[in-house]
C-alpha atoms as a PDB file:
ATOM      1  CA  UNK A   1     -17.182  -2.715 -12.336  1.00  0.00           C
ATOM      2  CA  UNK A   2     -13.784  -1.105 -11.990  1.00  0.00           C
ATOM      3  CA  UNK A   3     -12.959   0.556 -15.277  1.00  0.00           C
ATOM      4  CA  UNK A   4      -9.414   0.259 -16.569  1.00  0.00           C
ATOM      5  CA  UNK A   5      -7.931   1.401 -19.852  1.00  0.00           C
ATOM      6  CA  UNK A   6      -5.562  -1.567 -19.675  1.00  0.00           C
ATOM      7  CA  UNK A   7      -8.481  -4.009 -19.951  1.00  0.00           C
ATOM      8  CA  UNK A   8      -8.296  -5.595 -23.419  1.00  0.00           C
ATOM      9  CA  UNK A   9     -12.046  -5.356 -24.043  1.00  0.00           C
ATOM     10  CA  UNK A  10     -12.848  -2.432 -26.341  1.00  0.00           C
ATOM     11  CA  UNK A  11     -16.061  -1.471 -24.540  1.00  0.00           C
ATOM     12  CA  UNK A  12     -14.218  -1.265 -21.198  1.00  0.00           C
ATOM     13  CA  UNK A  13     -11.468   0.878 -22.725  1.00  0.00           C
ATOM     14  CA  UNK A  14     -13.997   3.292 -24.210  1.00  0.00           C
ATOM     15  CA  UNK A  15     -16.059   3.402 -21.014  1.00  0.00           C
ATOM     16  CA  UNK A  16     -12.911   4.061 -18.949  1.00  0.00           C
ATOM     17  CA  UNK A  17     -11.835   6.880 -21.266  1.00  0.00           C
ATOM     18  CA  UNK A  18     -15.258   8.523 -21.212  1.00  0.00           C
ATOM     19  CA  UNK A  19     -15.453   8.135 -17.413  1.00  0.00           C
ATOM     20  CA  UNK A  20     -12.062   9.834 -17.056  1.00  0.00           C
ATOM     21  CA  UNK A  21     -13.205  12.671 -19.320  1.00  0.00           C
ATOM     22  CA  UNK A  22     -16.424  13.132 -17.327  1.00  0.00           C
ATOM     23  CA  UNK A  23     -14.597  13.098 -13.984  1.00  0.00           C
ATOM     24  CA  UNK A  24     -11.986  15.526 -15.315  1.00  0.00           C
ATOM     25  CA  UNK A  25     -14.730  17.984 -16.249  1.00  0.00           C
ATOM     26  CA  UNK A  26     -14.406  17.671 -20.026  1.00  0.00           C
ATOM     27  CA  UNK A  27     -18.142  16.960 -20.001  1.00  0.00           C
ATOM     28  CA  UNK A  28     -20.266  18.915 -17.524  1.00  0.00           C
ATOM     29  CA  UNK A  29     -23.469  17.729 -15.893  1.00  0.00           C
ATOM     30  CA  UNK A  30     -26.169  17.843 -18.561  1.00  0.00           C
ATOM     31  CA  UNK A  31     -23.764  17.727 -21.512  1.00  0.00           C
ATOM     32  CA  UNK A  32     -24.687  15.310 -24.280  1.00  0.00           C
ATOM     33  CA  UNK A  33     -22.174  12.603 -25.109  1.00  0.00           C
ATOM     34  CA  UNK A  34     -21.364  11.806 -28.733  1.00  0.00           C
ATOM     35  CA  UNK A  35     -23.913   9.570 -30.470  1.00  0.00           C
ATOM     36  CA  UNK A  36     -23.281   5.825 -30.654  1.00  0.00           C
ATOM     37  CA  UNK A  37     -22.558   6.024 -34.386  1.00  0.00           C
ATOM     38  CA  UNK A  38     -19.981   8.771 -33.815  1.00  0.00           C
ATOM     39  CA  UNK A  39     -18.319   6.755 -31.016  1.00  0.00           C
ATOM     40  CA  UNK A  40     -18.280   3.768 -33.383  1.00  0.00           C
ATOM     41  CA  UNK A  41     -16.656   5.705 -36.205  1.00  0.00           C
ATOM     42  CA  UNK A  42     -14.112   7.565 -34.042  1.00  0.00           C
ATOM     43  CA  UNK A  43     -13.000   4.443 -32.156  1.00  0.00           C
ATOM     44  CA  UNK A  44     -13.110   1.843 -34.919  1.00  0.00           C
ATOM     45  CA  UNK A  45     -15.510  -0.383 -32.991  1.00  0.00           C
ATOM     46  CA  UNK A  46     -18.943  -1.841 -33.663  1.00  0.00           C
ATOM     47  CA  UNK A  47     -22.162  -0.049 -32.814  1.00  0.00           C
ATOM     48  CA  UNK A  48     -22.904  -2.762 -30.225  1.00  0.00           C
ATOM     49  CA  UNK A  49     -19.531  -2.237 -28.547  1.00  0.00           C
ATOM     50  CA  UNK A  50     -20.093   1.522 -28.366  1.00  0.00           C
ATOM     51  CA  UNK A  51     -23.551   0.941 -26.906  1.00  0.00           C
ATOM     52  CA  UNK A  52     -22.195  -1.490 -24.328  1.00  0.00           C
ATOM     53  CA  UNK A  53     -19.664   1.097 -23.143  1.00  0.00           C
ATOM     54  CA  UNK A  54     -22.511   3.573 -22.567  1.00  0.00           C
ATOM     55  CA  UNK A  55     -24.418   0.886 -20.632  1.00  0.00           C
ATOM     56  CA  UNK A  56     -21.417   0.561 -18.331  1.00  0.00           C
ATOM     57  CA  UNK A  57     -21.387   4.317 -17.718  1.00  0.00           C
ATOM     58  CA  UNK A  58     -25.138   4.253 -16.968  1.00  0.00           C
ATOM     59  CA  UNK A  59     -24.603   1.429 -14.477  1.00  0.00           C
ATOM     60  CA  UNK A  60     -21.846   3.500 -12.829  1.00  0.00           C
ATOM     61  CA  UNK A  61     -24.285   6.432 -12.511  1.00  0.00           C
ATOM     62  CA  UNK A  62     -22.188   8.743 -14.674  1.00  0.00           C
ATOM     63  CA  UNK A  63     -24.676   9.187 -17.504  1.00  0.00           C
ATOM     64  CA  UNK A  64     -28.386   9.029 -18.169  1.00  0.00           C
ATOM     65  CA  UNK A  65     -30.147   7.914 -21.342  1.00  0.00           C
ATOM     66  CA  UNK A  66     -33.126   9.737 -22.768  1.00  0.00           C
ATOM     67  CA  UNK A  67     -34.691   7.718 -25.625  1.00  0.00           C
ATOM     68  CA  UNK A  68     -34.796   9.704 -28.822  1.00  0.00           C
ATOM     69  CA  UNK A  69     -32.432  12.336 -27.425  1.00  0.00           C
ATOM     70  CA  UNK A  70     -29.216  10.554 -26.460  1.00  0.00           C
ATOM     71  CA  UNK A  71     -26.930  10.075 -23.481  1.00  0.00           C
ATOM     72  CA  UNK A  72     -26.226  12.918 -21.060  1.00  0.00           C
ATOM     73  CA  UNK A  73     -23.855  13.370 -18.127  1.00  0.00           C
ATOM     74  CA  UNK A  74     -25.689  12.698 -14.883  1.00  0.00           C
ATOM     75  CA  UNK A  75     -25.398  14.709 -11.682  1.00  0.00           C
ATOM     76  CA  UNK A  76     -22.845  12.333 -10.165  1.00  0.00           C
ATOM     77  CA  UNK A  77     -20.639  12.819  -7.131  1.00  0.00           C
ATOM     78  CA  UNK A  78     -17.051  11.691  -6.663  1.00  0.00           C
ATOM     79  CA  UNK A  79     -16.784   8.774  -4.251  1.00  0.00           C
ATOM     80  CA  UNK A  80     -14.363   8.537  -1.347  1.00  0.00           C
ATOM     81  CA  UNK A  81     -11.662   5.951  -2.008  1.00  0.00           C
ATOM     82  CA  UNK A  82     -11.843   4.864   1.643  1.00  0.00           C
ATOM     83  CA  UNK A  83     -15.559   4.348   2.155  1.00  0.00           C
ATOM     84  CA  UNK A  84     -17.184   4.553  -1.245  1.00  0.00           C
ATOM     85  CA  UNK A  85     -19.487   7.244   0.161  1.00  0.00           C
ATOM     86  CA  UNK A  86     -20.002  10.548  -1.643  1.00  0.00           C
ATOM     87  CA  UNK A  87     -17.274  13.057  -0.780  1.00  0.00           C
ATOM     88  CA  UNK A  88     -18.232  16.038   1.313  1.00  0.00           C
ATOM     89  CA  UNK A  89     -18.140  19.357  -0.498  1.00  0.00           C
ATOM     90  CA  UNK A  90     -17.102  22.449   1.497  1.00  0.00           C
END
């Protein structure tokens, strides 16, 4: 799924924003994301919508879920726009 903030669906908007924040380094690998209830309250959305946005991020490989603990930033790698393969790091 290509995430876009212009998509009218609330879960896509939230997922796109969180993905941008992760890729920009606002959340480092291993950092815990805000809880679903906090995402709900801060974004004026339902708990189910907040949870669905986290499911999208898990499917994209950006976060991992640990039951009872929460959602954490995964050890992801930027993808090349040309090939979709992980970018080489010098």
